[in-house]
Amino acid sequence: MTRTLENRKAFIDSSISVAREYGFHGLDLAWEYPSNIVEMANFKKLIEEWRVAVEKESENTGLLPLLLTAAVHYSPDYNSVQYPVQAIADNLDFVNIMSYDFYGPAWSDVTGPPAALYDPSNPAGISGDSGLRKWLDANLPAKKAVLGFSYCGWAWKLEDPKADGYDAATDGAAITPDGSVTYDEIKDYIVSSGAATYHDPAVVGFYCHAGTTWIGYDDNQSIVSKVKYAKLNGLLGYFSWHLAADYNGGLSRAASLAWDTTDATTGK
């Protein structure tokens, strides 16, 4: 779609038409992820042309311009290819930074925190904080950054049920074919299995295990910590993937309350 001007225009025009038809406030591009120099160049062309089209449509209709956003990798570097950060800052209203899915059964054969905010063993390693710092260092304005966290966890089958911490050897996915488990399913599993639960404040995450099943996830306490982190760092806000995975809306209520009551200067 992004390779030619004609294809990009067809996509852009149709996206705006659909958004207006259904009364949407905007459009979010979820390209996961541009993985080479050509694709990143086409990403840049797409958002630049999209911005022009959105502004022109607003002028022609008298309606407020549609919001234009994108979901992006946790850091501005993907497969050693850099996002066009300046074009993103110039043309998008904000970006949803996907600070999760760092570990999962399909791509990691050991357990690990799927959405660590910090990596105490390697502050420059894979974590939400390290990724955000790289985006800000690349001159993405903090007020165009939205911190993402997941209402889904990942479940592994442990090779040894006694080795139940991080970096434990695993034998594929547990609970579901790919190991993905929604938060409401995790809550039900903890009750039905009697799984032991652990909060890791250094990483800012939770995990639980019962027998050979090990699950990494976020709970209320870690979600609240991440929302406070976003507020303290002057970010525009936070987003979650996805609302339907919540348990009776508990995570969403906790996040909203934390955002509304946190002091932006102290994070408390």
C-alpha atoms as a PDB file:
ATOM      1  CA  MET A   1       0.000   0.000   0.000  1.00  0.00           C
ATOM      2  CA  THR A   2       2.768   2.468   0.860  1.00  0.00           C
ATOM      3  CA  ARG A   3       4.980   1.819  -2.155  1.00  0.00           C
ATOM      4  CA  THR A   4       3.312   4.239  -4.571  1.00  0.00           C
ATOM      5  CA  LEU A   5       1.724   7.660  -4.332  1.00  0.00           C
ATOM      6  CA  GLU A   6      -1.460   6.307  -5.917  1.00  0.00           C
ATOM      7  CA  ASN A   7      -1.828   3.496  -3.411  1.00  0.00           C
ATOM      8  CA  ARG A   8      -1.137   5.774  -0.463  1.00  0.00           C
ATOM      9  CA  LYS A   9      -3.705   8.283  -1.700  1.00  0.00           C
ATOM     10  CA  ALA A  10      -6.358   5.577  -2.097  1.00  0.00           C
ATOM     11  CA  PHE A  11      -5.723   4.388   1.453  1.00  0.00           C
ATOM     12  CA  ILE A  12      -5.666   7.888   2.928  1.00  0.00           C
ATOM     13  CA  ASP A  13      -8.845   9.017   1.187  1.00  0.00           C
ATOM     14  CA  SER A  14     -10.744   5.868   2.134  1.00  0.00           C
ATOM     15  CA  SER A  15      -9.588   6.046   5.766  1.00  0.00           C
ATOM     16  CA  ILE A  16     -10.818   9.614   6.113  1.00  0.00           C
ATOM     17  CA  SER A  17     -14.127   8.684   4.474  1.00  0.00           C
ATOM     18  CA  VAL A  18     -14.693   5.776   6.855  1.00  0.00           C
ATOM     19  CA  ALA A  19     -13.775   7.864   9.902  1.00  0.00           C
ATOM     20  CA  ARG A  20     -16.271  10.553   8.967  1.00  0.00           C
ATOM     21  CA  GLU A  21     -18.993   8.053   8.061  1.00  0.00           C
ATOM     22  CA  TYR A  22     -18.887   6.483  11.510  1.00  0.00           C
ATOM     23  CA  GLY A  23     -18.225   9.632  13.537  1.00  0.00           C
ATOM     24  CA  PHE A  24     -14.711   8.768  14.674  1.00  0.00           C
ATOM     25  CA  HIS A  25     -12.466  11.394  16.259  1.00  0.00           C
ATOM     26  CA  GLY A  26      -9.393  10.265  14.370  1.00  0.00           C
ATOM     27  CA  LEU A  27      -7.238   7.597  12.780  1.00  0.00           C
ATOM     28  CA  ASP A  28      -4.514   5.434  14.296  1.00  0.00           C
ATOM     29  CA  LEU A  29      -1.910   3.675  12.162  1.00  0.00           C
ATOM     30  CA  ALA A  30      -0.855   0.298  13.597  1.00  0.00           C
ATOM     31  CA  TRP A  31       2.028  -0.787  11.365  1.00  0.00           C
ATOM     32  CA  GLU A  32       3.905  -3.390  13.436  1.00  0.00           C
ATOM     33  CA  TYR A  33       6.534  -2.620  12.338  1.00  0.00           C
ATOM     34  CA  PRO A  34       8.359  -0.974   9.418  1.00  0.00           C
ATOM     35  CA  SER A  35      11.413  -3.218   9.357  1.00  0.00           C
ATOM     36  CA  ASN A  36      13.813  -1.827   6.761  1.00  0.00           C
ATOM     37  CA  ILE A  37      14.993   1.479   5.339  1.00  0.00           C
ATOM     38  CA  VAL A  38      12.502   1.427   2.467  1.00  0.00           C
ATOM     39  CA  GLU A  39       9.541   0.740   4.736  1.00  0.00           C
ATOM     40  CA  MET A  40      10.581   3.483   7.152  1.00  0.00           C
ATOM     41  CA  ALA A  41      10.869   5.910   4.219  1.00  0.00           C
ATOM     42  CA  ASN A  42       7.393   4.901   3.087  1.00  0.00           C
ATOM     43  CA  PHE A  43       6.092   5.296   6.652  1.00  0.00           C
ATOM     44  CA  LYS A  44       7.388   8.875   6.548  1.00  0.00           C
ATOM     45  CA  LYS A  45       5.738   9.575   3.189  1.00  0.00           C
ATOM     46  CA  LEU A  46       2.455   8.113   4.399  1.00  0.00           C
ATOM     47  CA  ILE A  47       2.144  10.221   7.537  1.00  0.00           C
ATOM     48  CA  GLU A  48       3.232  13.395   5.727  1.00  0.00           C
ATOM     49  CA  GLU A  49       0.666  12.903   2.966  1.00  0.00           C
ATOM     50  CA  TRP A  50      -1.967  11.816   5.482  1.00  0.00           C
ATOM     51  CA  ARG A  51      -1.488  15.028   7.491  1.00  0.00           C
ATOM     52  CA  VAL A  52      -1.911  17.168   4.379  1.00  0.00           C
ATOM     53  CA  ALA A  53      -5.075  15.268   3.438  1.00  0.00           C
ATOM     54  CA  VAL A  54      -6.544  15.538   6.944  1.00  0.00           C
ATOM     55  CA  GLU A  55      -5.970  19.301   7.038  1.00  0.00           C
ATOM     56  CA  LYS A  56      -7.373  19.785   3.530  1.00  0.00           C
ATOM     57  CA  GLU A  57     -10.482  17.738   4.334  1.00  0.00           C
ATOM     58  CA  SER A  58     -11.044  19.883   7.432  1.00  0.00           C
ATOM     59  CA  GLU A  59     -10.763  23.080   5.396  1.00  0.00           C
ATOM     60  CA  ASN A  60     -13.195  21.775   2.793  1.00  0.00           C
ATOM     61  CA  THR A  61     -15.820  20.550   5.268  1.00  0.00           C
ATOM     62  CA  GLY A  62     -15.464  23.023   8.114  1.00  0.00           C
ATOM     63  CA  LEU A  63     -15.138  20.119  10.545  1.00  0.00           C
ATOM     64  CA  LEU A  64     -12.392  19.828  13.134  1.00  0.00           C
ATOM     65  CA  PRO A  65      -9.389  17.959  11.727  1.00  0.00           C
ATOM     66  CA  LEU A  66      -9.311  14.268  12.502  1.00  0.00           C
ATOM     67  CA  LEU A  67      -6.683  13.245  15.016  1.00  0.00           C
ATOM     68  CA  LEU A  68      -3.829  11.403  13.362  1.00  0.00           C
ATOM     69  CA  THR A  69      -1.815   8.979  15.524  1.00  0.00           C
ATOM     70  CA  ALA A  70       0.266   5.824  15.252  1.00  0.00           C
ATOM     71  CA  ALA A  71       1.189   2.822  17.371  1.00  0.00           C
ATOM     72  CA  VAL A  72       4.972   2.462  17.408  1.00  0.00           C
ATOM     73  CA  HIS A  73       7.694   0.137  18.686  1.00  0.00           C
ATOM     74  CA  TYR A  74       8.776   0.589  22.301  1.00  0.00           C
ATOM     75  CA  SER A  75      11.932   2.345  21.055  1.00  0.00           C
ATOM     76  CA  PRO A  76      12.621   4.412  17.891  1.00  0.00           C
ATOM     77  CA  ASP A  77      15.004   1.699  16.691  1.00  0.00           C
ATOM     78  CA  TYR A  78      13.485  -1.411  15.121  1.00  0.00           C
ATOM     79  CA  ASN A  79      15.743  -4.018  13.507  1.00  0.00           C
ATOM     80  CA  SER A  80      18.525  -1.393  13.545  1.00  0.00           C
ATOM     81  CA  VAL A  81      16.353   0.943  11.469  1.00  0.00           C
ATOM     82  CA  GLN A  82      15.333   4.308  12.913  1.00  0.00           C
ATOM     83  CA  TYR A  83      11.818   5.705  12.825  1.00  0.00           C
ATOM     84  CA  PRO A  84      11.541   9.133  11.154  1.00  0.00           C
ATOM     85  CA  VAL A  85      11.134  10.843  14.512  1.00  0.00           C
ATOM     86  CA  GLN A  86      11.060  14.417  13.234  1.00  0.00           C
ATOM     87  CA  ALA A  87       8.350  13.566  10.700  1.00  0.00           C
ATOM     88  CA  ILE A  88       6.410  11.835  13.459  1.00  0.00           C
ATOM     89  CA  ALA A  89       6.674  14.915  15.698  1.00  0.00           C
ATOM     90  CA  ASP A  90       5.653  17.205  12.848  1.00  0.00           C
ATOM     91  CA  ASN A  91       2.731  15.213  11.440  1.00  0.00           C
ATOM     92  CA  LEU A  92       1.167  13.070  14.183  1.00  0.00           C
ATOM     93  CA  ASP A  93      -0.887  14.342  17.105  1.00  0.00           C
ATOM     94  CA  PHE A  94       0.676  11.676  19.316  1.00  0.00           C
ATOM     95  CA  VAL A  95       2.191   8.192  19.223  1.00  0.00           C
ATOM     96  CA  ASN A  96       1.121   5.162  21.236  1.00  0.00           C
ATOM     97  CA  ILE A  97       4.354   3.565  22.445  1.00  0.00           C
ATOM     98  CA  MET A  98       3.870  -0.205  22.745  1.00  0.00           C
ATOM     99  CA  SER A  99       5.865  -0.885  25.915  1.00  0.00           C
ATOM    100  CA  TYR A 100       4.926  -4.550  26.204  1.00  0.00           C
ATOM    101  CA  ASP A 101       5.355  -8.015  24.650  1.00  0.00           C
ATOM    102  CA  PHE A 102       9.061  -8.019  25.515  1.00  0.00           C
ATOM    103  CA  TYR A 103       8.814 -11.728  26.392  1.00  0.00           C
ATOM    104  CA  GLY A 104       6.424 -14.344  25.021  1.00  0.00           C
ATOM    105  CA  PRO A 105       6.488 -18.095  24.355  1.00  0.00           C
ATOM    106  CA  ALA A 106       6.741 -17.680  20.582  1.00  0.00           C
ATOM    107  CA  TRP A 107       9.984 -15.685  20.734  1.00  0.00           C
ATOM    108  CA  SER A 108      11.561 -16.401  24.129  1.00  0.00           C
ATOM    109  CA  ASP A 109      12.261 -19.880  25.496  1.00  0.00           C
ATOM    110  CA  VAL A 110      12.705 -18.602  29.048  1.00  0.00           C
ATOM    111  CA  THR A 111      10.313 -16.759  31.327  1.00  0.00           C
ATOM    112  CA  GLY A 112      10.546 -13.003  31.618  1.00  0.00           C
ATOM    113  CA  PRO A 113       8.473  -9.909  32.432  1.00  0.00           C
ATOM    114  CA  PRO A 114       6.373  -9.228  29.313  1.00  0.00           C
ATOM    115  CA  ALA A 115       5.992  -5.522  30.028  1.00  0.00           C
ATOM    116  CA  ALA A 116       8.814  -4.486  32.363  1.00  0.00           C
ATOM    117  CA  LEU A 117       8.926  -0.767  33.046  1.00  0.00           C
ATOM    118  CA  TYR A 118      12.542  -1.163  34.189  1.00  0.00           C
ATOM    119  CA  ASP A 119      15.341  -3.678  33.745  1.00  0.00           C
ATOM    120  CA  PRO A 120      17.397  -3.407  36.961  1.00  0.00           C
ATOM    121  CA  SER A 121      20.134  -5.637  35.550  1.00  0.00           C
ATOM    122  CA  ASN A 122      20.558  -3.498  32.425  1.00  0.00           C
ATOM    123  CA  PRO A 123      18.969  -0.015  32.501  1.00  0.00           C
ATOM    124  CA  ALA A 124      19.669   0.408  28.777  1.00  0.00           C
ATOM    125  CA  GLY A 125      18.102  -2.958  27.944  1.00  0.00           C
ATOM    126  CA  ILE A 126      14.563  -3.806  26.899  1.00  0.00           C
ATOM    127  CA  SER A 127      12.052  -1.981  29.081  1.00  0.00           C
ATOM    128  CA  GLY A 128       9.406   0.693  28.878  1.00  0.00           C
ATOM    129  CA  ASP A 129      11.667   3.265  30.496  1.00  0.00           C
ATOM    130  CA  SER A 130      14.659   2.614  28.250  1.00  0.00           C
ATOM    131  CA  GLY A 131      12.460   2.793  25.155  1.00  0.00           C
ATOM    132  CA  LEU A 132      10.840   6.051  26.213  1.00  0.00           C
ATOM    133  CA  ARG A 133      14.231   7.589  26.973  1.00  0.00           C
ATOM    134  CA  LYS A 134      15.385   6.722  23.462  1.00  0.00           C
ATOM    135  CA  TRP A 135      12.274   8.306  21.928  1.00  0.00           C
ATOM    136  CA  LEU A 136      12.777  11.487  23.950  1.00  0.00           C
ATOM    137  CA  ASP A 137      16.507  11.554  23.176  1.00  0.00           C
ATOM    138  CA  ALA A 138      15.560  11.363  19.483  1.00  0.00           C
ATOM    139  CA  ASN A 139      13.530  14.569  20.026  1.00  0.00           C
ATOM    140  CA  LEU A 140      10.014  13.215  20.265  1.00  0.00           C
ATOM    141  CA  PRO A 141       8.208  15.768  22.467  1.00  0.00           C
ATOM    142  CA  ALA A 142       7.006  14.243  25.748  1.00  0.00           C
ATOM    143  CA  LYS A 143       3.544  15.680  25.108  1.00  0.00           C
ATOM    144  CA  LYS A 144       3.312  13.588  21.933  1.00  0.00           C
ATOM    145  CA  ALA A 145       4.198  10.364  23.770  1.00  0.00           C
ATOM    146  CA  VAL A 146       1.579   7.982  25.168  1.00  0.00           C
ATOM    147  CA  LEU A 147       2.771   5.071  27.313  1.00  0.00           C
ATOM    148  CA  GLY A 148       1.234   1.705  26.461  1.00  0.00           C
ATOM    149  CA  PHE A 149       0.636  -1.267  28.732  1.00  0.00           C
ATOM    150  CA  SER A 150      -1.182  -4.533  28.215  1.00  0.00           C
ATOM    151  CA  TYR A 151      -4.234  -6.079  29.826  1.00  0.00           C
ATOM    152  CA  CYS A 152      -2.974  -9.412  28.496  1.00  0.00           C
ATOM    153  CA  GLY A 153      -0.188 -11.632  29.810  1.00  0.00           C
ATOM    154  CA  TRP A 154       1.871 -14.521  28.452  1.00  0.00           C
ATOM    155  CA  ALA A 155       1.862 -18.072  29.802  1.00  0.00           C
ATOM    156  CA  TRP A 156       4.692 -20.610  29.522  1.00  0.00           C
ATOM    157  CA  LYS A 157       5.024 -24.274  30.446  1.00  0.00           C
ATOM    158  CA  LEU A 158       7.996 -24.651  32.785  1.00  0.00           C
ATOM    159  CA  GLU A 159      10.481 -27.462  32.214  1.00  0.00           C
ATOM    160  CA  ASP A 160      11.011 -27.640  35.976  1.00  0.00           C
ATOM    161  CA  PRO A 161       8.146 -26.497  38.243  1.00  0.00           C
ATOM    162  CA  LYS A 162      10.691 -25.704  40.965  1.00  0.00           C
ATOM    163  CA  ALA A 163      12.470 -23.173  38.725  1.00  0.00           C
ATOM    164  CA  ASP A 164       9.696 -20.610  38.837  1.00  0.00           C
ATOM    165  CA  GLY A 165      11.332 -17.176  38.598  1.00  0.00           C
ATOM    166  CA  TYR A 166      12.674 -15.171  35.658  1.00  0.00           C
ATOM    167  CA  ASP A 167      14.907 -16.847  33.067  1.00  0.00           C
ATOM    168  CA  ALA A 168      13.429 -20.256  33.854  1.00  0.00           C
ATOM    169  CA  ALA A 169      13.647 -22.804  31.032  1.00  0.00           C
ATOM    170  CA  THR A 170      10.324 -23.456  29.322  1.00  0.00           C
ATOM    171  CA  ASP A 171       8.721 -25.917  26.963  1.00  0.00           C
ATOM    172  CA  GLY A 172       6.423 -23.729  24.914  1.00  0.00           C
ATOM    173  CA  ALA A 173       3.132 -22.012  25.623  1.00  0.00           C
ATOM    174  CA  ALA A 174       0.623 -22.818  28.333  1.00  0.00           C
ATOM    175  CA  ILE A 175      -3.143 -22.300  28.738  1.00  0.00           C
ATOM    176  CA  THR A 176      -3.727 -21.156  25.126  1.00  0.00           C
ATOM    177  CA  PRO A 177      -2.074 -22.316  21.878  1.00  0.00           C
ATOM    178  CA  ASP A 178       0.197 -19.257  21.705  1.00  0.00           C
ATOM    179  CA  GLY A 179       0.289 -18.504  25.440  1.00  0.00           C
ATOM    180  CA  SER A 180      -1.626 -15.221  25.262  1.00  0.00           C
ATOM    181  CA  VAL A 181      -3.956 -14.823  28.242  1.00  0.00           C
ATOM    182  CA  THR A 182      -6.283 -11.920  29.019  1.00  0.00           C
ATOM    183  CA  TYR A 183      -6.239 -10.347  32.468  1.00  0.00           C
ATOM    184  CA  ASP A 184      -9.731 -11.623  33.277  1.00  0.00           C
ATOM    185  CA  GLU A 185      -8.608 -15.143  32.333  1.00  0.00           C
ATOM    186  CA  ILE A 186      -5.526 -14.753  34.526  1.00  0.00           C
ATOM    187  CA  LYS A 187      -7.665 -13.719  37.496  1.00  0.00           C
ATOM    188  CA  ASP A 188      -9.893 -16.749  36.994  1.00  0.00           C
ATOM    189  CA  TYR A 189      -6.847 -19.014  36.626  1.00  0.00           C
ATOM    190  CA  ILE A 190      -5.280 -17.781  39.872  1.00  0.00           C
ATOM    191  CA  VAL A 191      -8.478 -18.585  41.769  1.00  0.00           C
ATOM    192  CA  SER A 192      -9.110 -21.961  40.141  1.00  0.00           C
ATOM    193  CA  SER A 193      -5.489 -23.191  40.345  1.00  0.00           C
ATOM    194  CA  GLY A 194      -4.421 -21.617  43.620  1.00  0.00           C
ATOM    195  CA  ALA A 195      -1.458 -20.107  41.790  1.00  0.00           C
ATOM    196  CA  ALA A 196       1.128 -18.220  43.853  1.00  0.00           C
ATOM    197  CA  THR A 197       1.400 -14.566  42.795  1.00  0.00           C
ATOM    198  CA  TYR A 198       4.418 -12.266  42.989  1.00  0.00           C
ATOM    199  CA  HIS A 199       4.786  -8.507  42.583  1.00  0.00           C
ATOM    200  CA  ASP A 200       8.181  -7.283  41.412  1.00  0.00           C
ATOM    201  CA  PRO A 201       8.447  -3.550  42.184  1.00  0.00           C
ATOM    202  CA  ALA A 202      11.926  -3.308  40.659  1.00  0.00           C
ATOM    203  CA  VAL A 203      10.647  -4.456  37.261  1.00  0.00           C
ATOM    204  CA  VAL A 204       7.116  -3.116  37.861  1.00  0.00           C
ATOM    205  CA  GLY A 205       5.187  -6.243  36.972  1.00  0.00           C
ATOM    206  CA  PHE A 206       3.568  -9.406  38.290  1.00  0.00           C
ATOM    207  CA  TYR A 207       3.907 -13.112  37.684  1.00  0.00           C
ATOM    208  CA  CYS A 208       2.167 -16.191  38.993  1.00  0.00           C
ATOM    209  CA  HIS A 209       2.745 -19.933  38.756  1.00  0.00           C
ATOM    210  CA  ALA A 210       1.023 -23.202  39.572  1.00  0.00           C
ATOM    211  CA  GLY A 211       2.704 -26.496  38.747  1.00  0.00           C
ATOM    212  CA  THR A 212       4.385 -26.084  35.389  1.00  0.00           C
ATOM    213  CA  THR A 213       2.341 -23.035  34.337  1.00  0.00           C
ATOM    214  CA  TRP A 214       4.005 -19.601  34.629  1.00  0.00           C
ATOM    215  CA  ILE A 215       2.319 -16.323  33.635  1.00  0.00           C
ATOM    216  CA  GLY A 216       3.790 -12.820  33.393  1.00  0.00           C
ATOM    217  CA  TYR A 217       1.286  -9.950  33.502  1.00  0.00           C
ATOM    218  CA  ASP A 218       0.311  -6.570  34.943  1.00  0.00           C
ATOM    219  CA  ASP A 219      -2.066  -6.132  37.892  1.00  0.00           C
ATOM    220  CA  ASN A 220      -3.583  -3.040  39.494  1.00  0.00           C
ATOM    221  CA  GLN A 221      -0.434  -2.109  41.407  1.00  0.00           C
ATOM    222  CA  SER A 222       1.890  -2.206  38.400  1.00  0.00           C
ATOM    223  CA  ILE A 223      -0.638  -0.441  36.159  1.00  0.00           C
ATOM    224  CA  VAL A 224      -0.944   2.360  38.718  1.00  0.00           C
ATOM    225  CA  SER A 225       2.864   2.638  38.927  1.00  0.00           C
ATOM    226  CA  LYS A 226       3.086   2.958  35.148  1.00  0.00           C
ATOM    227  CA  VAL A 227       0.378   5.625  34.999  1.00  0.00           C
ATOM    228  CA  LYS A 228       2.177   7.619  37.707  1.00  0.00           C
ATOM    229  CA  TYR A 229       5.420   7.230  35.753  1.00  0.00           C
ATOM    230  CA  ALA A 230       3.725   8.634  32.628  1.00  0.00           C
ATOM    231  CA  LYS A 231       2.353  11.604  34.570  1.00  0.00           C
ATOM    232  CA  LEU A 232       5.688  12.322  36.284  1.00  0.00           C
ATOM    233  CA  ASN A 233       7.559  12.251  32.965  1.00  0.00           C
ATOM    234  CA  GLY A 234       5.216  14.778  31.385  1.00  0.00           C
ATOM    235  CA  LEU A 235       3.710  12.404  28.845  1.00  0.00           C
ATOM    236  CA  LEU A 236       0.414  13.147  27.135  1.00  0.00           C
ATOM    237  CA  GLY A 237      -1.162  10.071  28.687  1.00  0.00           C
ATOM    238  CA  TYR A 238      -1.392   6.286  28.609  1.00  0.00           C
ATOM    239  CA  PHE A 239      -3.199   3.615  26.633  1.00  0.00           C
ATOM    240  CA  SER A 240      -4.079  -0.016  27.215  1.00  0.00           C
ATOM    241  CA  TRP A 241      -4.353  -3.047  24.973  1.00  0.00           C
ATOM    242  CA  HIS A 242      -7.135  -3.938  25.269  1.00  0.00           C
ATOM    243  CA  LEU A 243     -10.230  -2.901  27.209  1.00  0.00           C
ATOM    244  CA  ALA A 244     -12.128  -6.140  26.617  1.00  0.00           C
ATOM    245  CA  ALA A 245      -9.376  -8.072  28.425  1.00  0.00           C
ATOM    246  CA  ASP A 246      -9.904  -6.230  31.719  1.00  0.00           C
ATOM    247  CA  TYR A 247     -11.568  -7.869  34.732  1.00  0.00           C
ATOM    248  CA  ASN A 248     -14.797  -5.976  35.405  1.00  0.00           C
ATOM    249  CA  GLY A 249     -13.064  -2.739  34.412  1.00  0.00           C
ATOM    250  CA  GLY A 250     -10.784  -2.853  37.458  1.00  0.00           C
ATOM    251  CA  LEU A 251      -7.508  -2.012  35.721  1.00  0.00           C
ATOM    252  CA  SER A 252      -9.076   0.835  33.771  1.00  0.00           C
ATOM    253  CA  ARG A 253     -10.631   2.374  36.879  1.00  0.00           C
ATOM    254  CA  ALA A 254      -7.339   2.105  38.770  1.00  0.00           C
ATOM    255  CA  ALA A 255      -5.455   3.716  35.881  1.00  0.00           C
ATOM    256  CA  SER A 256      -7.932   6.573  35.509  1.00  0.00           C
ATOM    257  CA  LEU A 257      -7.935   7.311  39.232  1.00  0.00           C
ATOM    258  CA  ALA A 258      -4.135   7.249  39.330  1.00  0.00           C
ATOM    259  CA  TRP A 259      -3.883   9.709  36.443  1.00  0.00           C
ATOM    260  CA  ASP A 260      -6.412  12.093  37.993  1.00  0.00           C
ATOM    261  CA  THR A 261      -4.847  12.075  41.472  1.00  0.00           C
ATOM    262  CA  THR A 262      -1.116  11.976  40.690  1.00  0.00           C
ATOM    263  CA  ASP A 263       0.921  15.146  41.083  1.00  0.00           C
ATOM    264  CA  ALA A 264       2.815  15.750  37.850  1.00  0.00           C
ATOM    265  CA  THR A 265       5.823  17.202  39.714  1.00  0.00           C
ATOM    266  CA  THR A 266       6.265  14.455  42.299  1.00  0.00           C
ATOM    267  CA  GLY A 267       4.563  11.422  40.767  1.00  0.00           C
ATOM    268  CA  LYS A 268       2.672  10.893  44.046  1.00  0.00           C
END
